[in-house]
C-alpha atoms as a PDB file:
ATOM      1  CA  LYS A   1     -26.480 -20.356   9.930  1.00  0.00           C
ATOM      2  CA  VAL A   2     -23.172 -20.166   8.258  1.00  0.00           C
ATOM      3  CA  ASP A   3     -22.592 -17.909   5.231  1.00  0.00           C
ATOM      4  CA  TYR A   4     -21.559 -20.274   2.498  1.00  0.00           C
ATOM      5  CA  ASP A   5     -20.286 -19.425  -1.065  1.00  0.00           C
ATOM      6  CA  VAL A   6     -17.695 -21.838  -2.667  1.00  0.00           C
ATOM      7  CA  CYS A   7     -15.940 -19.265  -4.718  1.00  0.00           C
ATOM      8  CA  SER A   8     -16.110 -16.318  -2.288  1.00  0.00           C
ATOM      9  CA  ASN A   9     -14.982 -18.457   0.647  1.00  0.00           C
ATOM     10  CA  TYR A  10     -12.455 -20.673  -1.000  1.00  0.00           C
ATOM     11  CA  GLY A  11     -10.876 -17.438  -2.688  1.00  0.00           C
ATOM     12  CA  ASN A  12     -10.871 -15.488   0.626  1.00  0.00           C
ATOM     13  CA  TRP A  13      -9.448 -18.262   2.616  1.00  0.00           C
ATOM     14  CA  LEU A  14      -6.687 -18.697   0.164  1.00  0.00           C
ATOM     15  CA  TYR A  15      -5.858 -15.058   0.071  1.00  0.00           C
ATOM     16  CA  SER A  16      -5.966 -14.967   3.986  1.00  0.00           C
ATOM     17  CA  ALA A  17      -3.589 -17.997   4.277  1.00  0.00           C
ATOM     18  CA  GLY A  18      -1.270 -16.457   1.755  1.00  0.00           C
ATOM     19  CA  ILE A  19      -1.634 -19.101  -0.790  1.00  0.00           C
ATOM     20  CA  GLY A  20      -3.218 -19.532  -4.215  1.00  0.00           C
ATOM     21  CA  ASN A  21      -2.842 -17.696  -7.346  1.00  0.00           C
ATOM     22  CA  ASP A  22      -1.157 -14.712  -5.843  1.00  0.00           C
ATOM     23  CA  PRO A  23       0.506 -15.578  -2.688  1.00  0.00           C
ATOM     24  CA  ARG A  24       2.750 -12.754  -0.811  1.00  0.00           C
ATOM     25  CA  ASP A  25       5.083 -13.257   1.752  1.00  0.00           C
ATOM     26  CA  ASN A  26       4.282 -12.110   5.347  1.00  0.00           C
ATOM     27  CA  ARG A  27       0.962 -10.676   4.362  1.00  0.00           C
ATOM     28  CA  LYS A  28      -1.141  -9.383   7.350  1.00  0.00           C
ATOM     29  CA  PHE A  29      -3.810  -6.733   7.363  1.00  0.00           C
ATOM     30  CA  ASN A  30      -3.504  -3.707   9.410  1.00  0.00           C
ATOM     31  CA  MET A  31      -6.572  -3.761  11.481  1.00  0.00           C
ATOM     32  CA  ILE A  32      -6.482  -0.114  12.576  1.00  0.00           C
ATOM     33  CA  LYS A  33      -6.059   1.111   9.018  1.00  0.00           C
ATOM     34  CA  GLN A  34      -8.916  -1.179   7.688  1.00  0.00           C
ATOM     35  CA  GLY A  35     -11.130   0.198  10.509  1.00  0.00           C
ATOM     36  CA  LEU A  36     -10.384   3.902   9.619  1.00  0.00           C
ATOM     37  CA  ASP A  37     -10.565   3.287   6.003  1.00  0.00           C
ATOM     38  CA  TYR A  38     -13.938   1.488   6.211  1.00  0.00           C
ATOM     39  CA  ASP A  39     -15.555   2.323   9.405  1.00  0.00           C
ATOM     40  CA  GLY A  40     -13.999   5.776  10.156  1.00  0.00           C
ATOM     41  CA  ASN A  41     -16.610   6.846  12.763  1.00  0.00           C
ATOM     42  CA  GLY A  42     -16.688   3.457  14.352  1.00  0.00           C
ATOM     43  CA  ASP A  43     -20.268   2.831  13.736  1.00  0.00           C
ATOM     44  CA  TYR A  44     -19.841  -0.927  13.182  1.00  0.00           C
ATOM     45  CA  ILE A  45     -17.846  -1.321  16.236  1.00  0.00           C
ATOM     46  CA  ARG A  46     -20.420   0.548  18.320  1.00  0.00           C
ATOM     47  CA  LEU A  47     -23.205  -2.039  17.061  1.00  0.00           C
ATOM     48  CA  TRP A  48     -21.256  -4.914  17.901  1.00  0.00           C
ATOM     49  CA  VAL A  49     -19.110  -4.024  20.770  1.00  0.00           C
ATOM     50  CA  PRO A  50     -21.529  -2.037  23.143  1.00  0.00           C
ATOM     51  CA  GLU A  51     -18.859  -1.808  25.761  1.00  0.00           C
ATOM     52  CA  LEU A  52     -17.314   1.060  23.479  1.00  0.00           C
ATOM     53  CA  GLN A  53     -20.455   3.093  22.607  1.00  0.00           C
ATOM     54  CA  GLY A  54     -19.471   6.013  24.803  1.00  0.00           C
ATOM     55  CA  ILE A  55     -16.202   6.519  22.904  1.00  0.00           C
ATOM     56  CA  LYS A  56     -16.574   9.170  20.120  1.00  0.00           C
ATOM     57  CA  GLY A  57     -15.465   9.074  16.755  1.00  0.00           C
ATOM     58  CA  ALA A  58     -12.496   7.243  15.479  1.00  0.00           C
ATOM     59  CA  ASP A  59     -10.943   7.043  18.952  1.00  0.00           C
ATOM     60  CA  ILE A  60     -13.134   3.723  19.070  1.00  0.00           C
ATOM     61  CA  HIS A  61     -10.402   2.003  17.105  1.00  0.00           C
ATOM     62  CA  THR A  62      -7.693   2.459  19.725  1.00  0.00           C
ATOM     63  CA  PRO A  63      -9.424   2.827  23.007  1.00  0.00           C
ATOM     64  CA  TRP A  64      -6.012   1.818  24.745  1.00  0.00           C
ATOM     65  CA  ALA A  65      -4.555   4.934  23.598  1.00  0.00           C
ATOM     66  CA  LEU A  66      -7.094   7.330  25.263  1.00  0.00           C
ATOM     67  CA  ASN A  67      -6.302   9.196  28.463  1.00  0.00           C
ATOM     68  CA  SER A  68      -7.917   8.184  31.617  1.00  0.00           C
ATOM     69  CA  ALA A  69     -10.327  11.013  31.697  1.00  0.00           C
ATOM     70  CA  ALA A  70     -11.667  10.258  28.138  1.00  0.00           C
ATOM     71  CA  LEU A  71     -12.133   6.384  29.098  1.00  0.00           C
ATOM     72  CA  SER A  72     -13.783   7.545  32.321  1.00  0.00           C
ATOM     73  CA  GLN A  73     -16.373   9.958  30.375  1.00  0.00           C
ATOM     74  CA  ALA A  74     -17.136   6.971  28.075  1.00  0.00           C
ATOM     75  CA  GLY A  75     -17.475   4.478  30.901  1.00  0.00           C
ATOM     76  CA  VAL A  76     -14.635   2.331  30.044  1.00  0.00           C
ATOM     77  CA  THR A  77     -12.128   1.013  32.168  1.00  0.00           C
ATOM     78  CA  LEU A  78      -9.411  -1.046  30.364  1.00  0.00           C
ATOM     79  CA  GLY A  79      -8.921  -4.542  32.085  1.00  0.00           C
ATOM     80  CA  GLU A  80     -12.311  -4.425  33.504  1.00  0.00           C
ATOM     81  CA  THR A  81     -15.214  -3.350  31.143  1.00  0.00           C
ATOM     82  CA  TYR A  82     -13.106  -3.841  28.112  1.00  0.00           C
ATOM     83  CA  PRO A  83      -9.757  -5.844  27.846  1.00  0.00           C
ATOM     84  CA  GLN A  84      -6.415  -4.409  27.258  1.00  0.00           C
ATOM     85  CA  PRO A  85      -4.895  -4.910  23.995  1.00  0.00           C
ATOM     86  CA  VAL A  86      -3.165  -8.483  23.624  1.00  0.00           C
ATOM     87  CA  VAL A  87      -0.714  -7.141  21.115  1.00  0.00           C
ATOM     88  CA  THR A  88       0.089  -3.896  19.431  1.00  0.00           C
ATOM     89  CA  ALA A  89       1.652  -4.328  15.834  1.00  0.00           C
ATOM     90  CA  PRO A  90       4.294  -1.972  14.561  1.00  0.00           C
ATOM     91  CA  GLU A  91       2.579  -1.243  11.214  1.00  0.00           C
ATOM     92  CA  TRP A  92      -0.333   0.462  13.257  1.00  0.00           C
ATOM     93  CA  SER A  93       2.251   3.538  13.320  1.00  0.00           C
ATOM     94  CA  ARG A  94       1.803   4.473   9.682  1.00  0.00           C
ATOM     95  CA  HIS A  95      -1.346   6.598  10.093  1.00  0.00           C
ATOM     96  CA  THR A  96      -1.653  10.253  10.738  1.00  0.00           C
ATOM     97  CA  ASN A  97      -3.064  12.143  13.918  1.00  0.00           C
ATOM     98  CA  GLN A  98      -6.005  13.544  11.834  1.00  0.00           C
ATOM     99  CA  ARG A  99      -9.465  11.894  12.014  1.00  0.00           C
ATOM    100  CA  PRO A 100     -10.772  10.433   8.862  1.00  0.00           C
ATOM    101  CA  GLN A 101     -12.483  13.179   7.082  1.00  0.00           C
ATOM    102  CA  GLY A 102     -13.907  11.173   4.079  1.00  0.00           C
ATOM    103  CA  ARG A 103     -12.078   9.950   0.835  1.00  0.00           C
ATOM    104  CA  SER A 104     -10.027  12.301  -1.001  1.00  0.00           C
ATOM    105  CA  PRO A 105     -11.210  13.535  -4.420  1.00  0.00           C
ATOM    106  CA  HIS A 106      -8.128  11.981  -6.076  1.00  0.00           C
ATOM    107  CA  PRO A 107      -8.077   8.059  -5.498  1.00  0.00           C
ATOM    108  CA  ARG A 108      -4.386   8.153  -4.712  1.00  0.00           C
ATOM    109  CA  GLY A 109      -4.459  11.477  -2.766  1.00  0.00           C
ATOM    110  CA  ARG A 110      -1.317  13.828  -3.338  1.00  0.00           C
ATOM    111  CA  ARG A 111       1.517  11.780  -2.381  1.00  0.00           C
ATOM    112  CA  GLY A 112       2.250   8.175  -1.113  1.00  0.00           C
ATOM    113  CA  PRO A 113       0.982   4.794  -2.191  1.00  0.00           C
ATOM    114  CA  ALA A 114      -2.476   4.273  -3.476  1.00  0.00           C
ATOM    115  CA  HIS A 115      -3.400   1.978  -0.400  1.00  0.00           C
ATOM    116  CA  THR A 116      -2.708   4.905   2.273  1.00  0.00           C
ATOM    117  CA  PRO A 117      -5.343   7.601   2.263  1.00  0.00           C
ATOM    118  CA  VAL A 118      -4.363  11.224   2.486  1.00  0.00           C
ATOM    119  CA  GLN A 119      -5.795  11.413   6.115  1.00  0.00           C
ATOM    120  CA  HIS A 120      -3.573   8.676   7.390  1.00  0.00           C
ATOM    121  CA  ARG A 121      -0.088   9.440   6.100  1.00  0.00           C
ATOM    122  CA  ASP A 122       1.684  11.087   8.851  1.00  0.00           C
ATOM    123  CA  ARG A 123       0.307   9.266  11.931  1.00  0.00           C
ATOM    124  CA  GLY A 124       3.359   8.703  13.933  1.00  0.00           C
ATOM    125  CA  ILE A 125       4.079   5.713  16.226  1.00  0.00           C
ATOM    126  CA  ASP A 126       3.326   7.684  19.376  1.00  0.00           C
ATOM    127  CA  PHE A 127      -0.324   8.059  18.392  1.00  0.00           C
ATOM    128  CA  TYR A 128      -0.983   4.224  18.793  1.00  0.00           C
ATOM    129  CA  PHE A 129       1.524   3.367  21.404  1.00  0.00           C
ATOM    130  CA  SER A 130       1.221   6.091  23.914  1.00  0.00           C
ATOM    131  CA  ARG A 131      -1.413   5.572  26.754  1.00  0.00           C
ATOM    132  CA  LYS A 132      -2.247   9.242  27.089  1.00  0.00           C
ATOM    133  CA  LYS A 133      -3.818  11.191  24.308  1.00  0.00           C
ATOM    134  CA  ASP A 134      -5.763  14.401  24.491  1.00  0.00           C
ATOM    135  CA  VAL A 135      -9.079  14.224  22.959  1.00  0.00           C
END
């Protein structure tokens, strides 16, 4: 069965395609940010991707960034039990090294744009693009 709602689906497809009543150039979603914002602990991923169930907390969003000991402890072998990433996007570097701690009491946090939660503001590019990470 396919979920179908004319208004919702039409609007969302237009939005995803970057056309419609509010088109924006070069629109793309930052999948890591969305995962950390809406599934900080990775519960949804664990439900649908059983290969990653052994990875604790928010690390499930970036399994390729874990060190070999953490991957081994979780029962994950990149390239065998779970695929290597096909692509890594530069915009993933905008997040902080801190784990999601819940929402800030102020909707905009203390600094930065409204769409960047406080706990993700200082994460550097090395967090996502380095292979080794102590957990």
